[in-house]
């Protein structure tokens, strides 16, 4: 009986570890997507400024 409880706890710990890794991976991917979105927004802003400067000149 005791062995079964220990095995059950070890399995749960393994599941938690697996989900924790998966969650961290998802968080890393979300951070990369957010960074890309910021870079794109900055680039669009820069291009708009270049375009408006060209129209003034």
N, C-alpha and C. Protein backbone atom coordinates (compact mmCIF):
# COMPACT_ATOMS: atom_id res chain seq x y z
N UNK A 1 0.83 -1.20 0.00
CA UNK A 1 0.00 0.00 0.00
C UNK A 1 0.87 1.26 0.00
N UNK A 2 1.88 1.26 0.87
CA UNK A 2 2.77 2.42 0.97
C UNK A 2 3.48 2.69 -0.35
N UNK A 3 3.92 1.63 -1.02
CA UNK A 3 4.62 1.78 -2.30
C UNK A 3 3.71 2.44 -3.33
N UNK A 4 2.45 2.07 -3.33
CA UNK A 4 1.50 2.63 -4.29
C UNK A 4 1.35 4.14 -4.06
N UNK A 5 1.29 4.55 -2.80
CA UNK A 5 1.16 5.98 -2.48
C UNK A 5 2.40 6.74 -2.96
N UNK A 6 3.57 6.19 -2.68
CA UNK A 6 4.82 6.83 -3.12
C UNK A 6 4.87 6.92 -4.64
N UNK A 7 4.50 5.84 -5.33
CA UNK A 7 4.51 5.83 -6.79
C UNK A 7 3.52 6.87 -7.32
N UNK A 8 2.39 6.96 -6.70
CA UNK A 8 1.37 7.93 -7.11
C UNK A 8 1.91 9.36 -6.96
N UNK A 9 2.56 9.62 -5.84
CA UNK A 9 3.12 10.96 -5.62
C UNK A 9 4.22 11.28 -6.62
N UNK A 10 5.05 10.27 -6.94
CA UNK A 10 6.12 10.48 -7.91
C UNK A 10 5.53 10.78 -9.29
N UNK A 11 4.47 10.06 -9.65
CA UNK A 11 3.82 10.31 -10.95
C UNK A 11 3.27 11.74 -10.99
N UNK A 12 2.63 12.15 -9.89
CA UNK A 12 2.07 13.51 -9.84
C UNK A 12 3.18 14.55 -9.96
N UNK A 13 4.30 14.30 -9.28
CA UNK A 13 5.44 15.23 -9.36
C UNK A 13 5.95 15.29 -10.79
N UNK A 14 6.01 14.14 -11.45
CA UNK A 14 6.45 14.10 -12.85
C UNK A 14 5.50 14.86 -13.74
N UNK A 15 4.20 14.73 -13.50
CA UNK A 15 3.20 15.46 -14.28
C UNK A 15 3.37 16.96 -14.08
N UNK A 16 3.55 17.35 -12.82
CA UNK A 16 3.72 18.77 -12.52
C UNK A 16 4.96 19.32 -13.23
N UNK A 17 6.04 18.55 -13.18
CA UNK A 17 7.27 18.97 -13.83
C UNK A 17 7.06 19.12 -15.34
N UNK A 18 6.35 18.14 -15.94
CA UNK A 18 6.09 18.17 -17.37
C UNK A 18 5.25 19.40 -17.74
N UNK A 19 4.19 19.64 -16.98
CA UNK A 19 3.33 20.80 -17.27
C UNK A 19 4.07 22.10 -17.01
N UNK A 20 4.92 22.10 -16.01
CA UNK A 20 5.72 23.29 -15.71
C UNK A 20 6.64 23.63 -16.88
N UNK A 21 7.30 22.60 -17.44
CA UNK A 21 8.18 22.82 -18.60
C UNK A 21 7.37 23.32 -19.79
N UNK A 22 6.21 22.70 -20.00
CA UNK A 22 5.36 23.08 -21.13
C UNK A 22 4.89 24.53 -20.98
N UNK A 23 4.52 24.89 -19.76
CA UNK A 23 4.06 26.25 -19.49
C UNK A 23 5.20 27.25 -19.72
N UNK A 24 6.40 26.91 -19.26
CA UNK A 24 7.54 27.80 -19.46
C UNK A 24 7.82 27.97 -20.95
N UNK A 25 7.72 26.87 -21.70
CA UNK A 25 7.93 26.93 -23.15
C UNK A 25 6.89 27.86 -23.79
N UNK A 26 5.64 27.71 -23.38
CA UNK A 26 4.57 28.57 -23.90
C UNK A 26 4.83 30.03 -23.55
N UNK A 27 5.28 30.28 -22.33
CA UNK A 27 5.56 31.64 -21.90
C UNK A 27 6.71 32.24 -22.72
N UNK A 28 7.74 31.43 -22.98
CA UNK A 28 8.86 31.88 -23.80
C UNK A 28 8.39 32.24 -25.21
N UNK A 29 7.52 31.40 -25.77
CA UNK A 29 7.00 31.66 -27.12
C UNK A 29 6.17 32.94 -27.14
N UNK A 30 5.34 33.13 -26.11
CA UNK A 30 4.53 34.35 -26.03
C UNK A 30 5.43 35.58 -25.93
N UNK A 31 6.51 35.48 -25.15
CA UNK A 31 7.43 36.61 -25.02
C UNK A 31 8.09 36.93 -26.35
N UNK A 32 8.48 35.90 -27.10
CA UNK A 32 9.06 36.13 -28.43
C UNK A 32 8.07 36.81 -29.35
N UNK A 33 6.81 36.35 -29.32
CA UNK A 33 5.78 36.96 -30.16
C UNK A 33 5.56 38.42 -29.78
N UNK A 34 5.56 38.69 -28.48
CA UNK A 34 5.38 40.07 -28.02
C UNK A 34 6.55 40.94 -28.46
N UNK A 35 7.77 40.42 -28.33
CA UNK A 35 8.95 41.17 -28.77
C UNK A 35 8.88 41.48 -30.26
N UNK A 36 8.46 40.49 -31.06
CA UNK A 36 8.32 40.71 -32.50
C UNK A 36 7.27 41.76 -32.80
N UNK A 37 6.16 41.70 -32.07
CA UNK A 37 5.08 42.66 -32.27
C UNK A 37 5.58 44.08 -31.99
N UNK A 38 6.36 44.23 -30.93
CA UNK A 38 6.91 45.55 -30.58
C UNK A 38 7.87 46.02 -31.67
N UNK A 39 8.73 45.12 -32.16
CA UNK A 39 9.66 45.48 -33.23
C UNK A 39 8.91 45.91 -34.48
N UNK A 40 7.86 45.18 -34.83
CA UNK A 40 7.07 45.52 -36.02
C UNK A 40 6.41 46.88 -35.84
N UNK A 41 5.84 47.11 -34.67
CA UNK A 41 5.18 48.39 -34.40
C UNK A 41 6.18 49.54 -34.50
N UNK A 42 7.38 49.34 -33.94
CA UNK A 42 8.41 50.38 -34.01
C UNK A 42 8.84 50.63 -35.45
N UNK A 43 8.96 49.55 -36.23
CA UNK A 43 9.37 49.69 -37.64
C UNK A 43 8.29 50.42 -38.44
N UNK A 44 7.02 50.09 -38.20
CA UNK A 44 5.92 50.78 -38.89
C UNK A 44 5.95 52.27 -38.54
N UNK A 45 6.15 52.58 -37.26
CA UNK A 45 6.22 53.98 -36.83
C UNK A 45 7.37 54.71 -37.52
N UNK A 46 8.52 54.02 -37.61
CA UNK A 46 9.69 54.62 -38.25
C UNK A 46 9.41 54.89 -39.73
N UNK A 47 8.78 53.93 -40.40
CA UNK A 47 8.46 54.10 -41.82
C UNK A 47 7.44 55.23 -42.03
N UNK A 48 6.46 55.34 -41.13
CA UNK A 48 5.48 56.43 -41.22
C UNK A 48 6.18 57.79 -41.09
N UNK A 49 7.12 57.86 -40.14
CA UNK A 49 7.86 59.12 -39.95
C UNK A 49 8.70 59.44 -41.18
N UNK A 50 9.36 58.42 -41.74
CA UNK A 50 10.14 58.64 -42.97
C UNK A 50 9.24 59.14 -44.09
N UNK A 51 8.08 58.52 -44.22
CA UNK A 51 7.13 58.88 -45.28
C UNK A 51 6.63 60.32 -45.09
N UNK A 52 6.31 60.69 -43.86
CA UNK A 52 5.80 62.05 -43.63
C UNK A 52 6.92 63.08 -43.83
N UNK A 53 8.16 62.70 -43.49
CA UNK A 53 9.29 63.60 -43.72
C UNK A 53 9.52 63.81 -45.23
N UNK A 54 9.34 62.72 -45.98
CA UNK A 54 9.53 62.81 -47.42
C UNK A 54 8.45 63.69 -48.07
N UNK A 55 7.22 63.61 -47.54
CA UNK A 55 6.13 64.43 -48.10
C UNK A 55 6.38 65.91 -47.82
N UNK A 56 6.94 66.20 -46.64
CA UNK A 56 7.22 67.61 -46.28
C UNK A 56 8.32 68.16 -47.17
N UNK A 57 9.33 67.35 -47.45
CA UNK A 57 10.50 67.82 -48.23
C UNK A 57 10.17 68.06 -49.69
